[in-house]
Amino acid sequence: MNYFDLVRLKKQIESQKLNVARAKEKGTSITIELDDMPKACSSSNKIESSVEMAEIEERKLNLLKKRFDEEIKKIPNEYMKNIISCRLIHNWSWNKIAVIKCNGCKGDSVRKSCVRYKW
């Protein structure tokens, strides 16, 4: 595992959040037609299936988040764990991390050390 693997995992989480939002929106956007003609597929079935899809997408999202947290916890070096979590979880810039966590060294050197670090 390395920094880029965590970035890919974070991107998967972001895309899964969009999938969850789409699934929830699909469940709430179904309108019921009010007429006397019976329909082959009732809107309640569509709503139930949309709710089920939203729940499935939500579970996938929770699994990805859990995996991301576990991978962060697996980083053996506490110093690198703090830097990577500041970057990926708190969305700090490399320069901010360098000033606060790394005693004022350059952001580029912090970025390079994270990119090269493997665990």
N, C-alpha and C. Protein backbone atom coordinates (compact mmCIF):
# COMPACT_ATOMS: atom_id res chain seq x y z
N MET A 1 0.85 -1.18 0.00
CA MET A 1 0.00 0.00 0.00
C MET A 1 0.89 1.24 0.00
N ASN A 2 0.46 2.25 -0.72
CA ASN A 2 1.18 3.52 -0.73
C ASN A 2 0.18 4.67 -0.77
N TYR A 3 0.71 5.88 -0.86
CA TYR A 3 -0.13 7.08 -0.84
C TYR A 3 -1.14 7.09 -1.98
N PHE A 4 -0.71 6.69 -3.19
CA PHE A 4 -1.60 6.71 -4.34
C PHE A 4 -2.75 5.72 -4.20
N ASP A 5 -2.51 4.59 -3.54
CA ASP A 5 -3.59 3.64 -3.28
C ASP A 5 -4.66 4.28 -2.40
N LEU A 6 -4.22 5.05 -1.40
CA LEU A 6 -5.18 5.74 -0.53
C LEU A 6 -5.94 6.82 -1.29
N VAL A 7 -5.25 7.51 -2.20
CA VAL A 7 -5.92 8.53 -3.01
C VAL A 7 -6.98 7.89 -3.88
N ARG A 8 -6.66 6.75 -4.50
CA ARG A 8 -7.64 6.03 -5.32
C ARG A 8 -8.84 5.60 -4.49
N LEU A 9 -8.58 5.12 -3.28
CA LEU A 9 -9.65 4.70 -2.39
C LEU A 9 -10.53 5.90 -2.00
N LYS A 10 -9.93 7.04 -1.76
CA LYS A 10 -10.69 8.24 -1.43
C LYS A 10 -11.55 8.67 -2.62
N LYS A 11 -11.02 8.56 -3.84
CA LYS A 11 -11.81 8.89 -5.03
C LYS A 11 -12.99 7.94 -5.20
N GLN A 12 -12.78 6.67 -4.87
CA GLN A 12 -13.88 5.71 -4.91
C GLN A 12 -14.96 6.09 -3.91
N ILE A 13 -14.54 6.56 -2.73
CA ILE A 13 -15.51 6.98 -1.71
C ILE A 13 -16.31 8.17 -2.23
N GLU A 14 -15.64 9.12 -2.86
CA GLU A 14 -16.33 10.31 -3.38
C GLU A 14 -17.32 9.92 -4.47
N SER A 15 -16.94 9.02 -5.38
CA SER A 15 -17.87 8.60 -6.43
C SER A 15 -19.02 7.78 -5.84
N GLN A 16 -18.74 7.02 -4.80
CA GLN A 16 -19.80 6.25 -4.16
C GLN A 16 -20.79 7.18 -3.44
N LYS A 17 -20.30 8.28 -2.89
CA LYS A 17 -21.20 9.27 -2.28
C LYS A 17 -22.17 9.82 -3.33
N LEU A 18 -21.67 10.05 -4.54
CA LEU A 18 -22.54 10.51 -5.63
C LEU A 18 -23.57 9.44 -5.98
N ASN A 19 -23.15 8.17 -6.00
CA ASN A 19 -24.09 7.09 -6.29
C ASN A 19 -25.18 7.01 -5.24
N VAL A 20 -24.82 7.20 -3.98
CA VAL A 20 -25.81 7.18 -2.90
C VAL A 20 -26.79 8.33 -3.08
N ALA A 21 -26.27 9.51 -3.38
CA ALA A 21 -27.14 10.67 -3.57
C ALA A 21 -28.09 10.46 -4.74
N ARG A 22 -27.57 9.89 -5.83
CA ARG A 22 -28.43 9.61 -7.00
C ARG A 22 -29.51 8.60 -6.66
N ALA A 23 -29.14 7.56 -5.92
CA ALA A 23 -30.12 6.53 -5.56
C ALA A 23 -31.20 7.10 -4.64
N LYS A 24 -30.79 7.96 -3.69
CA LYS A 24 -31.78 8.57 -2.80
C LYS A 24 -32.69 9.53 -3.57
N GLU A 25 -32.10 10.26 -4.51
CA GLU A 25 -32.88 11.19 -5.32
C GLU A 25 -33.87 10.45 -6.19
N LYS A 26 -33.45 9.32 -6.72
CA LYS A 26 -34.34 8.53 -7.57
C LYS A 26 -35.53 8.02 -6.77
N GLY A 27 -35.30 7.68 -5.51
CA GLY A 27 -36.39 7.19 -4.67
C GLY A 27 -37.37 8.28 -4.30
N THR A 28 -36.92 9.51 -4.20
CA THR A 28 -37.81 10.59 -3.81
C THR A 28 -38.44 11.30 -5.00
N SER A 29 -37.92 11.07 -6.20
CA SER A 29 -38.44 11.77 -7.38
C SER A 29 -39.55 11.01 -8.09
N ILE A 30 -39.91 9.84 -7.63
CA ILE A 30 -40.98 9.06 -8.27
C ILE A 30 -42.32 9.68 -7.89
N THR A 31 -43.11 10.00 -8.90
CA THR A 31 -44.42 10.59 -8.65
C THR A 31 -45.50 9.56 -8.91
N ILE A 32 -46.55 9.71 -8.20
CA ILE A 32 -47.68 8.79 -8.34
C ILE A 32 -48.69 9.42 -9.29
N GLU A 33 -49.10 8.67 -10.31
CA GLU A 33 -50.10 9.15 -11.24
C GLU A 33 -51.47 8.81 -10.67
N LEU A 34 -52.33 9.80 -10.65
CA LEU A 34 -53.67 9.60 -10.12
C LEU A 34 -54.66 9.49 -11.27
N ASP A 35 -54.97 8.28 -11.65
CA ASP A 35 -56.02 8.03 -12.63
C ASP A 35 -56.66 6.70 -12.29
N ASP A 36 -57.71 6.37 -13.00
CA ASP A 36 -58.48 5.16 -12.68
C ASP A 36 -57.94 3.90 -13.33
N MET A 37 -56.95 4.04 -14.21
CA MET A 37 -56.45 2.88 -14.93
C MET A 37 -55.41 2.14 -14.09
N PRO A 38 -55.56 0.82 -13.97
CA PRO A 38 -54.55 0.05 -13.24
C PRO A 38 -53.25 -0.02 -14.05
N LYS A 39 -52.16 -0.03 -13.34
CA LYS A 39 -50.85 -0.10 -13.99
C LYS A 39 -50.24 -1.47 -13.72
N ALA A 40 -49.37 -1.89 -14.64
CA ALA A 40 -48.71 -3.18 -14.49
C ALA A 40 -47.70 -3.16 -13.35
N CYS A 41 -47.00 -2.07 -13.22
CA CYS A 41 -45.99 -1.95 -12.17
C CYS A 41 -46.36 -0.73 -11.32
N SER A 42 -46.72 -0.97 -10.10
CA SER A 42 -47.16 0.15 -9.27
C SER A 42 -45.98 0.99 -8.81
N SER A 43 -46.25 2.23 -8.48
CA SER A 43 -45.19 3.14 -8.06
C SER A 43 -44.62 2.74 -6.71
N SER A 44 -45.42 2.04 -5.89
CA SER A 44 -44.88 1.61 -4.59
C SER A 44 -43.75 0.60 -4.78
N ASN A 45 -43.87 -0.25 -5.81
CA ASN A 45 -42.77 -1.18 -6.10
C ASN A 45 -41.53 -0.44 -6.55
N LYS A 46 -41.72 0.62 -7.35
CA LYS A 46 -40.58 1.41 -7.79
C LYS A 46 -39.92 2.10 -6.61
N ILE A 47 -40.72 2.63 -5.70
CA ILE A 47 -40.18 3.30 -4.52
C ILE A 47 -39.42 2.31 -3.65
N GLU A 48 -40.01 1.12 -3.43
CA GLU A 48 -39.34 0.11 -2.61
C GLU A 48 -38.01 -0.31 -3.23
N SER A 49 -38.00 -0.51 -4.54
CA SER A 49 -36.75 -0.93 -5.17
C SER A 49 -35.73 0.22 -5.13
N SER A 50 -36.18 1.46 -5.24
CA SER A 50 -35.26 2.60 -5.15
C SER A 50 -34.69 2.72 -3.76
N VAL A 51 -35.52 2.49 -2.77
CA VAL A 51 -35.05 2.54 -1.38
C VAL A 51 -34.04 1.42 -1.13
N GLU A 52 -34.32 0.24 -1.67
CA GLU A 52 -33.38 -0.87 -1.53
C GLU A 52 -32.05 -0.55 -2.21
N MET A 53 -32.11 0.05 -3.40
CA MET A 53 -30.88 0.43 -4.10
C MET A 53 -30.09 1.46 -3.30
N ALA A 54 -30.80 2.41 -2.69
CA ALA A 54 -30.12 3.42 -1.88
C ALA A 54 -29.46 2.77 -0.67
N GLU A 55 -30.12 1.80 -0.07
CA GLU A 55 -29.52 1.10 1.07
C GLU A 55 -28.29 0.30 0.65
N ILE A 56 -28.35 -0.33 -0.50
CA ILE A 56 -27.20 -1.09 -1.00
C ILE A 56 -26.02 -0.15 -1.27
N GLU A 57 -26.29 0.97 -1.91
CA GLU A 57 -25.23 1.94 -2.19
C GLU A 57 -24.66 2.51 -0.89
N GLU A 58 -25.52 2.71 0.09
CA GLU A 58 -25.06 3.21 1.40
C GLU A 58 -24.15 2.19 2.08
N ARG A 59 -24.50 0.92 1.98
CA ARG A 59 -23.64 -0.13 2.56
C ARG A 59 -22.29 -0.18 1.87
N LYS A 60 -22.29 -0.05 0.54
CA LYS A 60 -21.02 -0.03 -0.20
C LYS A 60 -20.16 1.14 0.26
N LEU A 61 -20.79 2.29 0.44
CA LEU A 61 -20.07 3.48 0.90
C LEU A 61 -19.47 3.25 2.29
N ASN A 62 -20.25 2.67 3.18
CA ASN A 62 -19.74 2.41 4.53
C ASN A 62 -18.57 1.44 4.52
N LEU A 63 -18.63 0.44 3.64
CA LEU A 63 -17.51 -0.51 3.53
C LEU A 63 -16.25 0.18 3.02
N LEU A 64 -16.41 1.06 2.05
CA LEU A 64 -15.24 1.80 1.53
C LEU A 64 -14.65 2.71 2.60
N LYS A 65 -15.51 3.39 3.35
CA LYS A 65 -15.02 4.26 4.43
C LYS A 65 -14.30 3.46 5.49
N LYS A 66 -14.85 2.30 5.83
CA LYS A 66 -14.22 1.45 6.83
C LYS A 66 -12.86 0.97 6.34
N ARG A 67 -12.78 0.58 5.08
CA ARG A 67 -11.51 0.12 4.52
C ARG A 67 -10.48 1.25 4.51
N PHE A 68 -10.92 2.47 4.17
CA PHE A 68 -10.03 3.63 4.15
C PHE A 68 -9.47 3.88 5.55
N ASP A 69 -10.34 3.87 6.55
CA ASP A 69 -9.90 4.08 7.93
C ASP A 69 -8.93 2.99 8.39
N GLU A 70 -9.21 1.75 8.01
CA GLU A 70 -8.32 0.64 8.38
C GLU A 70 -6.95 0.80 7.72
N GLU A 71 -6.94 1.22 6.47
CA GLU A 71 -5.66 1.39 5.77
C GLU A 71 -4.85 2.53 6.39
N ILE A 72 -5.51 3.59 6.79
CA ILE A 72 -4.79 4.68 7.48
C ILE A 72 -4.21 4.17 8.79
N LYS A 73 -4.98 3.36 9.52
CA LYS A 73 -4.50 2.84 10.80
C LYS A 73 -3.35 1.85 10.63
N LYS A 74 -3.25 1.23 9.47
CA LYS A 74 -2.19 0.25 9.22
C LYS A 74 -0.82 0.88 8.97
N ILE A 75 -0.77 2.19 8.78
CA ILE A 75 0.51 2.85 8.52
C ILE A 75 1.36 2.74 9.78
N PRO A 76 2.51 2.07 9.72
CA PRO A 76 3.28 1.81 10.93
C PRO A 76 3.98 3.05 11.51
N ASN A 77 4.39 3.97 10.66
CA ASN A 77 5.11 5.16 11.10
C ASN A 77 4.09 6.23 11.51
N GLU A 78 4.07 6.58 12.79
CA GLU A 78 3.10 7.55 13.31
C GLU A 78 3.25 8.92 12.65
N TYR A 79 4.47 9.32 12.37
CA TYR A 79 4.74 10.60 11.72
C TYR A 79 4.09 10.64 10.33
N MET A 80 4.29 9.60 9.55
CA MET A 80 3.71 9.54 8.20
C MET A 80 2.19 9.39 8.27
N LYS A 81 1.72 8.67 9.27
CA LYS A 81 0.28 8.53 9.45
C LYS A 81 -0.37 9.89 9.67
N ASN A 82 0.26 10.73 10.49
CA ASN A 82 -0.28 12.07 10.74
C ASN A 82 -0.27 12.93 9.48
N ILE A 83 0.82 12.86 8.74
CA ILE A 83 0.92 13.67 7.51
C ILE A 83 -0.11 13.22 6.49
N ILE A 84 -0.22 11.93 6.28
CA ILE A 84 -1.17 11.42 5.28
C ILE A 84 -2.61 11.69 5.70
N SER A 85 -2.91 11.55 6.98
CA SER A 85 -4.28 11.83 7.42
C SER A 85 -4.60 13.32 7.31
N CYS A 86 -3.63 14.18 7.58
CA CYS A 86 -3.87 15.62 7.39
C CYS A 86 -4.16 15.94 5.93
N ARG A 87 -3.46 15.28 5.05
CA ARG A 87 -3.65 15.53 3.61
C ARG A 87 -4.97 14.95 3.11
N LEU A 88 -5.26 13.70 3.42
CA LEU A 88 -6.41 13.03 2.83
C LEU A 88 -7.70 13.22 3.62
N ILE A 89 -7.63 13.31 4.92
CA ILE A 89 -8.85 13.44 5.71
C ILE A 89 -9.22 14.90 5.92
N HIS A 90 -8.23 15.73 6.28
CA HIS A 90 -8.50 17.13 6.58
C HIS A 90 -8.29 18.06 5.39
N ASN A 91 -7.80 17.51 4.27
CA ASN A 91 -7.59 18.26 3.02
C ASN A 91 -6.65 19.46 3.18
N TRP A 92 -5.61 19.30 3.97
CA TRP A 92 -4.60 20.35 4.13
C TRP A 92 -3.71 20.36 2.89
N SER A 93 -3.16 21.51 2.58
CA SER A 93 -2.19 21.61 1.49
C SER A 93 -0.84 21.07 1.98
N TRP A 94 0.03 20.74 1.02
CA TRP A 94 1.35 20.24 1.38
C TRP A 94 2.13 21.30 2.14
N ASN A 95 1.97 22.56 1.75
CA ASN A 95 2.70 23.64 2.43
C ASN A 95 2.23 23.81 3.87
N LYS A 96 0.94 23.70 4.11
CA LYS A 96 0.42 23.81 5.47
C LYS A 96 0.93 22.66 6.34
N ILE A 97 0.95 21.47 5.78
CA ILE A 97 1.48 20.32 6.52
C ILE A 97 2.95 20.54 6.83
N ALA A 98 3.70 21.06 5.86
CA ALA A 98 5.14 21.29 6.06
C ALA A 98 5.38 22.28 7.18
N VAL A 99 4.61 23.34 7.23
CA VAL A 99 4.82 24.37 8.25
C VAL A 99 4.40 23.87 9.62
N ILE A 100 3.26 23.22 9.71
CA ILE A 100 2.72 22.82 11.02
C ILE A 100 3.34 21.54 11.55
N LYS A 101 3.40 20.52 10.72
CA LYS A 101 3.83 19.20 11.19
C LYS A 101 5.32 18.92 11.01
N CYS A 102 5.96 19.58 10.06
CA CYS A 102 7.33 19.20 9.69
C CYS A 102 8.35 20.29 9.98
N ASN A 103 8.09 21.11 10.93
CA ASN A 103 9.03 22.14 11.37
C ASN A 103 9.48 23.07 10.26
N GLY A 104 8.56 23.44 9.39
CA GLY A 104 8.85 24.46 8.40
C GLY A 104 9.60 24.03 7.17
N CYS A 105 9.75 22.76 6.89
CA CYS A 105 10.41 22.37 5.64
C CYS A 105 9.46 22.65 4.47
N LYS A 106 9.91 22.44 3.26
CA LYS A 106 9.11 22.77 2.08
C LYS A 106 8.02 21.74 1.84
N GLY A 107 6.91 22.23 1.30
CA GLY A 107 5.78 21.35 1.00
C GLY A 107 6.12 20.29 -0.02
N ASP A 108 6.97 20.63 -0.97
CA ASP A 108 7.34 19.67 -2.01
C ASP A 108 8.11 18.49 -1.44
N SER A 109 8.97 18.75 -0.46
CA SER A 109 9.73 17.65 0.14
C SER A 109 8.81 16.74 0.98
N VAL A 110 7.80 17.33 1.61
CA VAL A 110 6.84 16.52 2.36
C VAL A 110 6.04 15.65 1.40
N ARG A 111 5.60 16.24 0.29
CA ARG A 111 4.85 15.48 -0.71
C ARG A 111 5.67 14.32 -1.25
N LYS A 112 6.94 14.57 -1.57
CA LYS A 112 7.80 13.52 -2.11
C LYS A 112 8.01 12.40 -1.10
N SER A 113 8.17 12.76 0.16
CA SER A 113 8.36 11.72 1.17
C SER A 113 7.12 10.86 1.33
N CYS A 114 5.94 11.47 1.21
CA CYS A 114 4.69 10.69 1.30
C CYS A 114 4.51 9.79 0.09
N VAL A 115 4.83 10.32 -1.08
CA VAL A 115 4.67 9.55 -2.31
C VAL A 115 5.62 8.35 -2.32
N ARG A 116 6.80 8.52 -1.79
CA ARG A 116 7.80 7.43 -1.79
C ARG A 116 7.57 6.42 -0.68
N TYR A 117 6.81 6.80 0.34
CA TYR A 117 6.64 5.90 1.50
C TYR A 117 5.70 4.76 1.15
N LYS A 118 6.12 3.55 1.47
CA LYS A 118 5.32 2.34 1.26
C LYS A 118 5.22 1.57 2.57
N TRP A 119 4.08 0.97 2.80
CA TRP A 119 3.90 0.18 4.02
C TRP A 119 3.21 -1.11 3.69
